[in-house]
Amino acid sequence: MITSAVRLLLLMLMSSDSGWVWGGAEGVTLGEAGWLDCELVEERIHTGVSGGPETEYVRRKAALLLSNTERDADHRLRDAQKEGIIAFLVTASTVDVARFVEGSTEQLQCEIKRYSTAGIQVDWPGNRGAKAGGEDAWFSCTIRHSAEEFIVTAFLRQNPPSGTPVAQQDYNQFPPITDGDAVHMSVAMVVLTRTPTVDSALLRDVRLDCGFAVDHTRPEVTVEWRVQHRGERLKLFSYASRTGRPETQTPGAAVSLKDIQRGNASLRLTGVQVKSEGTYVCSVYVPPLYGSHDVQLRILGERAPSIVCMVQIDIVKCEIYIRYPLLR
């Protein structure tokens, strides 16, 4: 086990005068390290051989930097520029993404993408009344644990240079980001699950985790849970803060309204059955931001059939029980 003293020594070595050492550090968390190796995934649309539009995905070296002081930020930005790394510098925000991310940085996978609000323009309270769809550039940053212990998506807001025409506000039309650029961001919202996969026996009660955090109080939020099973899709639960009550609630599937107010939208299933297995989707919508995560529920059991026989004088009655999962 790595003690706090050893962690401090590692951080001192990684930030020595010779420059910042990029890469995951064993036993050092995101909050302690203050940075995370990422990939910036960009969509580039071009004309294909057939003459129609084709999308190419380009992956570029980037880093998520969490800075508490200007001195610390300047130091890390200089090192990132030397390495040609695109630095997404997250400044102070009421939502601390590191609080939701556990484990050492070497166990984390990070992917950053531009995020489109699909033309939706609303006043974002965390942005002092600026039009989210008109003046801000949005990015999503998804952090996954290598052992699938959690998936966290943070929505990052960037103010583009002043004077940018509204017609250029589409996320594919923002000025390009070059290697070594520093992009100053703030965290507007986080959506996460700590149970990407849940295994359960028959007739047990299970909890499918889903949480969120927003950078302002009393956000207008809509929470939904859906399940997909063998091609069928069913809405289990929906709630909108503007009404203050569930719009859809399925027996045996419940979300606490008090917990939603605290940022906990976890779904509780009672007495799961064979048909309960499937992909559950938790979605959180705070206009213009929409985040969702899948939770896989698998029902476990014995595959071998069991035979129970009863003898009554000269009659033998037998019943065969096949426990889930069925052989496919």
Protein backbone atom coordinates (compact mmCIF):
# COMPACT_ATOMS: atom_id res chain seq x y z
CA MET A 1 0.00 0.00 0.00
CA ILE A 2 1.31 3.43 -0.98
CA THR A 3 1.29 5.88 1.92
CA SER A 4 0.60 9.59 1.72
CA ALA A 5 4.31 10.33 2.13
CA VAL A 6 5.19 8.12 -0.83
CA ARG A 7 2.48 9.73 -2.94
CA LEU A 8 3.90 13.16 -2.12
CA LEU A 9 7.38 12.00 -3.13
CA LEU A 10 6.03 10.68 -6.45
CA LEU A 11 4.33 13.97 -7.18
CA MET A 12 7.53 15.89 -6.38
CA LEU A 13 9.50 13.68 -8.75
CA MET A 14 6.90 13.98 -11.52
CA SER A 15 6.94 17.78 -11.30
CA SER A 16 10.70 18.22 -10.99
CA ASP A 17 12.66 20.97 -12.72
CA SER A 18 13.36 18.67 -15.65
CA GLY A 19 9.70 18.93 -16.65
CA TRP A 20 6.41 17.23 -15.92
CA VAL A 21 6.36 13.47 -16.43
CA TRP A 22 3.26 12.59 -18.44
CA GLY A 23 1.65 9.20 -17.96
CA GLY A 24 -0.30 7.33 -15.29
CA ALA A 25 1.25 7.13 -11.84
CA GLU A 26 0.78 4.04 -9.72
CA GLY A 27 -1.19 4.72 -6.56
CA VAL A 28 -1.66 8.43 -7.32
CA THR A 29 -5.26 9.61 -7.74
CA LEU A 30 -6.50 12.27 -10.15
CA GLY A 31 -7.05 14.68 -7.28
CA GLU A 32 -3.46 14.19 -6.08
CA ALA A 33 -1.81 14.27 -9.50
CA GLY A 34 -3.91 17.12 -10.86
CA TRP A 35 -3.66 15.84 -14.43
CA LEU A 36 -4.78 12.91 -16.55
CA ASP A 37 -3.60 11.67 -19.94
CA CYS A 38 -6.46 11.87 -22.46
CA GLU A 39 -7.25 11.64 -26.13
CA LEU A 40 -9.03 14.38 -28.01
CA VAL A 41 -11.31 12.68 -30.55
CA GLU A 42 -12.30 14.96 -33.42
CA GLU A 43 -14.74 14.40 -36.25
CA ARG A 44 -13.55 15.46 -39.68
CA ILE A 45 -16.09 15.36 -42.47
CA HIS A 46 -14.84 15.06 -46.03
CA THR A 47 -16.13 13.94 -49.42
CA GLY A 48 -15.75 10.20 -49.91
CA VAL A 49 -15.04 8.18 -53.03
CA SER A 50 -18.77 7.89 -53.74
CA GLY A 51 -19.14 11.66 -53.62
CA GLY A 52 -21.06 11.65 -50.33
CA PRO A 53 -19.89 12.95 -46.96
CA GLU A 54 -17.76 10.63 -44.83
CA THR A 55 -16.71 11.06 -41.22
CA GLU A 56 -13.16 10.41 -40.08
CA TYR A 57 -12.29 10.17 -36.39
CA VAL A 58 -8.89 11.60 -35.48
CA ARG A 59 -7.32 10.88 -32.08
CA ARG A 60 -4.87 13.41 -30.69
CA LYS A 61 -2.75 13.53 -27.55
CA ALA A 62 -4.32 15.66 -24.84
CA ALA A 63 -4.39 16.06 -21.08
CA LEU A 64 -6.94 17.10 -18.49
CA LEU A 65 -5.33 19.54 -16.03
CA LEU A 66 -6.91 20.39 -12.70
CA SER A 67 -5.36 23.53 -11.32
CA ASN A 68 -5.79 25.08 -7.91
CA THR A 69 -3.23 27.87 -8.31
CA GLU A 70 -2.05 30.02 -11.22
CA ARG A 71 1.57 29.04 -10.53
CA ASP A 72 0.74 25.36 -10.73
CA ALA A 73 -1.25 25.93 -13.92
CA ASP A 74 1.53 27.88 -15.63
CA HIS A 75 4.08 25.18 -14.78
CA ARG A 76 2.00 22.36 -16.20
CA LEU A 77 0.94 24.31 -19.27
CA ARG A 78 4.57 25.06 -20.16
CA ASP A 79 5.43 21.38 -19.95
CA ALA A 80 2.39 20.41 -22.02
CA GLN A 81 3.35 22.89 -24.73
CA LYS A 82 6.88 21.48 -24.87
CA GLU A 83 5.43 18.02 -25.48
CA GLY A 84 2.89 19.27 -28.04
CA ILE A 85 0.04 18.11 -25.80
CA ILE A 86 -3.34 19.83 -25.99
CA ALA A 87 -4.04 20.95 -22.43
CA PHE A 88 -7.62 21.23 -21.21
CA LEU A 89 -7.14 23.37 -18.13
CA VAL A 90 -10.08 23.11 -15.74
CA THR A 91 -10.36 26.16 -13.53
CA ALA A 92 -12.21 26.45 -10.25
CA SER A 93 -15.81 25.24 -10.36
CA THR A 94 -18.45 24.20 -7.86
CA VAL A 95 -18.29 20.74 -9.51
CA ASP A 96 -15.00 18.99 -8.75
CA VAL A 97 -14.63 16.15 -11.27
CA ALA A 98 -11.82 14.56 -9.21
CA ARG A 99 -14.32 13.90 -6.40
CA PHE A 100 -16.14 11.40 -8.59
CA VAL A 101 -13.04 9.61 -9.91
CA GLU A 102 -11.42 6.90 -7.79
CA GLY A 103 -8.31 4.78 -8.31
CA SER A 104 -4.85 5.64 -9.57
CA THR A 105 -4.40 7.57 -12.81
CA GLU A 106 -2.84 4.53 -14.50
CA GLN A 107 -6.21 2.76 -14.16
CA LEU A 108 -8.12 5.53 -15.93
CA GLN A 109 -9.00 5.98 -19.60
CA CYS A 110 -9.93 9.49 -20.71
CA GLU A 111 -11.57 10.67 -23.93
CA ILE A 112 -12.51 14.25 -24.79
CA LYS A 113 -14.89 15.21 -27.61
CA ARG A 114 -16.60 18.34 -28.83
CA TYR A 115 -20.24 18.44 -27.76
CA SER A 116 -23.06 19.90 -29.83
CA THR A 117 -26.13 21.45 -28.21
CA ALA A 118 -28.00 20.85 -31.49
CA GLY A 119 -28.82 24.52 -31.79
CA ILE A 120 -30.53 24.73 -28.38
CA GLN A 121 -29.89 28.11 -26.75
CA VAL A 122 -30.76 28.61 -23.10
CA ASP A 123 -29.49 30.76 -20.26
CA TRP A 124 -26.94 28.70 -18.35
CA PRO A 125 -26.98 29.99 -14.75
CA GLY A 126 -23.45 28.76 -14.14
CA ASN A 127 -22.30 31.05 -16.95
CA ARG A 128 -23.69 34.31 -15.54
CA GLY A 129 -26.54 34.49 -18.00
CA ALA A 130 -24.59 33.82 -21.22
CA LYS A 131 -26.33 31.88 -23.96
CA ALA A 132 -25.00 28.32 -23.71
CA GLY A 133 -25.72 27.45 -27.32
CA GLY A 134 -24.59 30.81 -28.67
CA GLU A 135 -21.45 31.96 -26.88
CA ASP A 136 -19.95 28.82 -25.37
CA ALA A 137 -18.07 25.92 -26.87
CA TRP A 138 -18.86 22.62 -25.15
CA PHE A 139 -16.80 19.48 -24.71
CA SER A 140 -17.54 16.14 -23.06
CA CYS A 141 -14.84 14.35 -21.09
CA THR A 142 -15.50 10.66 -20.35
CA ILE A 143 -13.31 8.89 -17.78
CA ARG A 144 -13.54 5.12 -17.47
CA HIS A 145 -11.97 2.81 -14.91
CA SER A 146 -10.04 -0.02 -16.58
CA ALA A 147 -11.78 -2.58 -14.33
CA GLU A 148 -15.21 -1.09 -15.16
CA GLU A 149 -15.75 0.19 -11.63
CA PHE A 150 -17.24 3.46 -12.88
CA ILE A 151 -17.82 5.72 -15.88
CA VAL A 152 -17.84 9.50 -15.40
CA THR A 153 -18.78 12.05 -18.05
CA ALA A 154 -18.00 15.70 -17.37
CA PHE A 155 -19.37 18.49 -19.56
CA LEU A 156 -16.75 21.19 -20.02
CA ARG A 157 -17.54 24.75 -21.04
CA GLN A 158 -15.18 27.02 -22.97
CA ASN A 159 -15.81 30.64 -23.84
CA PRO A 160 -14.67 31.14 -27.46
CA PRO A 161 -12.87 34.33 -28.47
CA SER A 162 -15.09 37.39 -28.46
CA GLY A 163 -16.50 38.45 -31.79
CA THR A 164 -17.02 34.91 -33.09
CA PRO A 165 -20.06 35.11 -35.43
CA VAL A 166 -23.12 33.19 -34.27
CA ALA A 167 -23.15 31.35 -37.60
CA GLN A 168 -19.86 29.71 -36.62
CA GLN A 169 -21.12 28.36 -33.31
CA ASP A 170 -21.66 24.81 -34.62
CA TYR A 171 -19.22 22.52 -32.83
CA ASN A 172 -17.70 21.37 -36.13
CA GLN A 173 -17.04 24.97 -37.17
CA PHE A 174 -15.16 26.31 -34.18
CA PRO A 175 -11.56 27.40 -34.81
CA PRO A 176 -9.29 24.32 -34.92
CA ILE A 177 -7.23 23.30 -31.91
CA THR A 178 -3.54 22.91 -32.65
CA ASP A 179 -0.99 20.75 -30.82
CA GLY A 180 0.26 22.43 -27.67
CA ASP A 181 -2.79 24.67 -27.33
CA ALA A 182 -4.20 25.48 -23.90
CA VAL A 183 -8.00 25.35 -23.69
CA HIS A 184 -9.42 26.95 -20.56
CA MET A 185 -12.51 25.15 -19.31
CA SER A 186 -14.89 24.89 -16.38
CA VAL A 187 -16.98 21.87 -15.37
CA ALA A 188 -20.69 22.56 -15.85
CA MET A 189 -22.17 19.11 -15.18
CA VAL A 190 -21.15 15.55 -14.35
CA VAL A 191 -23.13 12.35 -15.00
CA LEU A 192 -21.80 9.01 -13.76
CA THR A 193 -22.47 5.40 -12.83
CA ARG A 194 -20.54 3.25 -10.38
CA THR A 195 -22.21 0.06 -11.59
CA PRO A 196 -21.57 -0.33 -15.34
CA THR A 197 -22.28 -4.05 -14.88
CA VAL A 198 -24.44 -5.67 -12.20
CA ASP A 199 -24.73 -9.43 -11.61
CA SER A 200 -27.65 -10.74 -9.57
CA ALA A 201 -29.35 -13.98 -8.69
CA LEU A 202 -33.06 -14.48 -9.32
CA LEU A 203 -35.61 -12.75 -7.07
CA ARG A 204 -33.01 -10.45 -5.48
CA ASP A 205 -33.35 -6.69 -5.08
CA VAL A 206 -30.69 -4.75 -7.00
CA ARG A 207 -29.53 -1.15 -7.22
CA LEU A 208 -28.38 0.37 -10.51
CA ASP A 209 -26.23 3.40 -9.76
CA CYS A 210 -26.62 6.75 -11.50
CA GLY A 211 -25.57 10.16 -10.21
CA PHE A 212 -25.13 13.73 -11.39
CA ALA A 213 -23.89 17.13 -10.26
CA VAL A 214 -24.51 20.59 -11.73
CA ASP A 215 -22.59 23.82 -11.16
CA HIS A 216 -25.63 25.78 -9.99
CA THR A 217 -28.43 25.22 -7.50
CA ARG A 218 -31.95 24.12 -8.38
CA PRO A 219 -31.28 23.17 -12.00
CA GLU A 220 -34.16 22.28 -14.31
CA VAL A 221 -33.44 18.57 -14.58
CA THR A 222 -35.14 15.63 -16.27
CA VAL A 223 -34.20 12.09 -15.23
CA GLU A 224 -35.19 8.96 -17.13
CA TRP A 225 -34.53 5.22 -16.89
CA ARG A 226 -35.13 2.90 -19.85
CA VAL A 227 -34.45 -0.79 -20.36
CA GLN A 228 -33.56 -2.60 -23.57
CA HIS A 229 -34.05 -6.37 -23.70
CA ARG A 230 -33.94 -8.49 -26.86
CA GLY A 231 -34.93 -5.65 -29.16
CA GLU A 232 -37.66 -4.23 -26.92
CA ARG A 233 -37.31 -0.82 -25.27
CA LEU A 234 -39.37 0.27 -22.27
CA LYS A 235 -39.43 3.47 -20.22
CA LEU A 236 -39.37 2.55 -16.53
CA PHE A 237 -39.15 5.92 -14.84
CA SER A 238 -39.20 9.60 -15.75
CA TYR A 239 -39.11 12.71 -13.60
CA ALA A 240 -39.03 16.42 -14.40
CA SER A 241 -38.17 18.96 -11.72
CA ARG A 242 -40.58 21.49 -13.23
CA THR A 243 -43.52 19.33 -12.13
CA GLY A 244 -41.88 17.87 -9.03
CA ARG A 245 -43.39 14.43 -9.52
CA PRO A 246 -42.73 11.28 -11.60
CA GLU A 247 -44.30 11.26 -15.05
CA THR A 248 -43.66 7.51 -15.49
CA GLN A 249 -43.22 4.94 -12.72
CA THR A 250 -43.21 1.18 -13.30
CA PRO A 251 -44.08 -1.24 -10.45
CA GLY A 252 -40.94 -2.89 -9.11
CA ALA A 253 -38.69 -0.06 -10.37
CA ALA A 254 -38.25 2.99 -8.15
CA VAL A 255 -36.12 6.12 -7.85
CA SER A 256 -36.21 8.23 -4.70
CA LEU A 257 -37.34 11.80 -5.43
CA LYS A 258 -35.46 13.04 -2.35
CA ASP A 259 -32.30 11.38 -3.65
CA ILE A 260 -32.71 13.07 -7.05
CA GLN A 261 -32.57 16.43 -5.29
CA ARG A 262 -29.18 15.35 -3.92
CA GLY A 263 -27.90 14.23 -7.32
CA ASN A 264 -28.62 10.52 -6.82
CA ALA A 265 -30.83 9.03 -9.56
CA SER A 266 -30.13 5.36 -8.81
CA LEU A 267 -32.79 2.82 -9.80
CA ARG A 268 -33.93 0.10 -7.39
CA LEU A 269 -35.41 -3.09 -8.85
CA THR A 270 -37.40 -5.45 -6.63
CA GLY A 271 -37.25 -9.24 -7.08
CA VAL A 272 -35.48 -9.38 -10.43
CA GLN A 273 -36.62 -12.08 -12.84
CA VAL A 274 -35.39 -13.62 -16.08
CA LYS A 275 -37.02 -10.85 -18.08
CA SER A 276 -35.25 -8.23 -15.94
CA GLU A 277 -31.94 -8.91 -17.67
CA GLY A 278 -30.92 -6.27 -20.18
CA THR A 279 -29.32 -2.88 -20.75
CA TYR A 280 -30.61 -0.13 -18.48
CA VAL A 281 -30.04 3.45 -19.60
CA CYS A 282 -29.98 6.34 -17.13
CA SER A 283 -30.24 9.78 -18.74
CA VAL A 284 -29.97 13.21 -17.16
CA TYR A 285 -31.00 16.30 -19.12
CA VAL A 286 -30.25 19.83 -17.96
CA PRO A 287 -30.84 22.01 -21.03
CA PRO A 288 -28.87 22.11 -23.22
CA LEU A 289 -26.76 19.25 -21.80
CA TYR A 290 -27.77 15.59 -22.09
CA GLY A 291 -25.77 12.83 -20.44
CA SER A 292 -26.50 9.11 -20.24
CA HIS A 293 -24.84 5.87 -19.18
CA ASP A 294 -25.64 2.20 -19.76
CA VAL A 295 -25.86 -0.33 -16.94
CA GLN A 296 -25.80 -4.01 -17.88
CA LEU A 297 -27.87 -6.26 -15.61
CA ARG A 298 -27.09 -9.97 -15.82
CA ILE A 299 -29.13 -12.62 -14.01
CA LEU A 300 -27.01 -15.52 -12.80
CA GLY A 301 -28.06 -19.03 -11.84
CA GLU A 302 -27.48 -22.73 -12.37
CA ARG A 303 -27.61 -24.04 -15.91
CA ALA A 304 -28.14 -27.73 -15.07
CA PRO A 305 -31.79 -28.91 -14.88
CA SER A 306 -33.07 -30.53 -11.67
CA ILE A 307 -35.64 -33.34 -11.51
CA VAL A 308 -38.07 -33.78 -8.61
CA CYS A 309 -40.12 -37.00 -8.43
CA MET A 310 -42.97 -38.01 -6.12
CA VAL A 311 -44.08 -41.63 -5.67
CA GLN A 312 -47.75 -42.29 -4.91
CA ILE A 313 -48.52 -46.05 -4.69
CA ASP A 314 -48.06 -47.19 -8.29
CA ILE A 315 -47.73 -43.70 -9.84
CA VAL A 316 -44.52 -41.71 -10.16
CA LYS A 317 -44.82 -38.01 -10.96
CA CYS A 318 -41.73 -36.08 -11.97
CA GLU A 319 -41.20 -32.38 -12.66
CA ILE A 320 -38.17 -30.86 -14.35
CA TYR A 321 -36.93 -27.42 -13.23
CA ILE A 322 -34.50 -25.50 -15.41
CA ARG A 323 -32.96 -22.57 -13.61
CA TYR A 324 -31.92 -19.41 -15.40
CA PRO A 325 -29.97 -18.62 -17.48
CA LEU A 326 -31.35 -20.86 -20.19
CA LEU A 327 -28.94 -22.43 -22.62
CA ARG A 328 -28.74 -20.24 -25.69
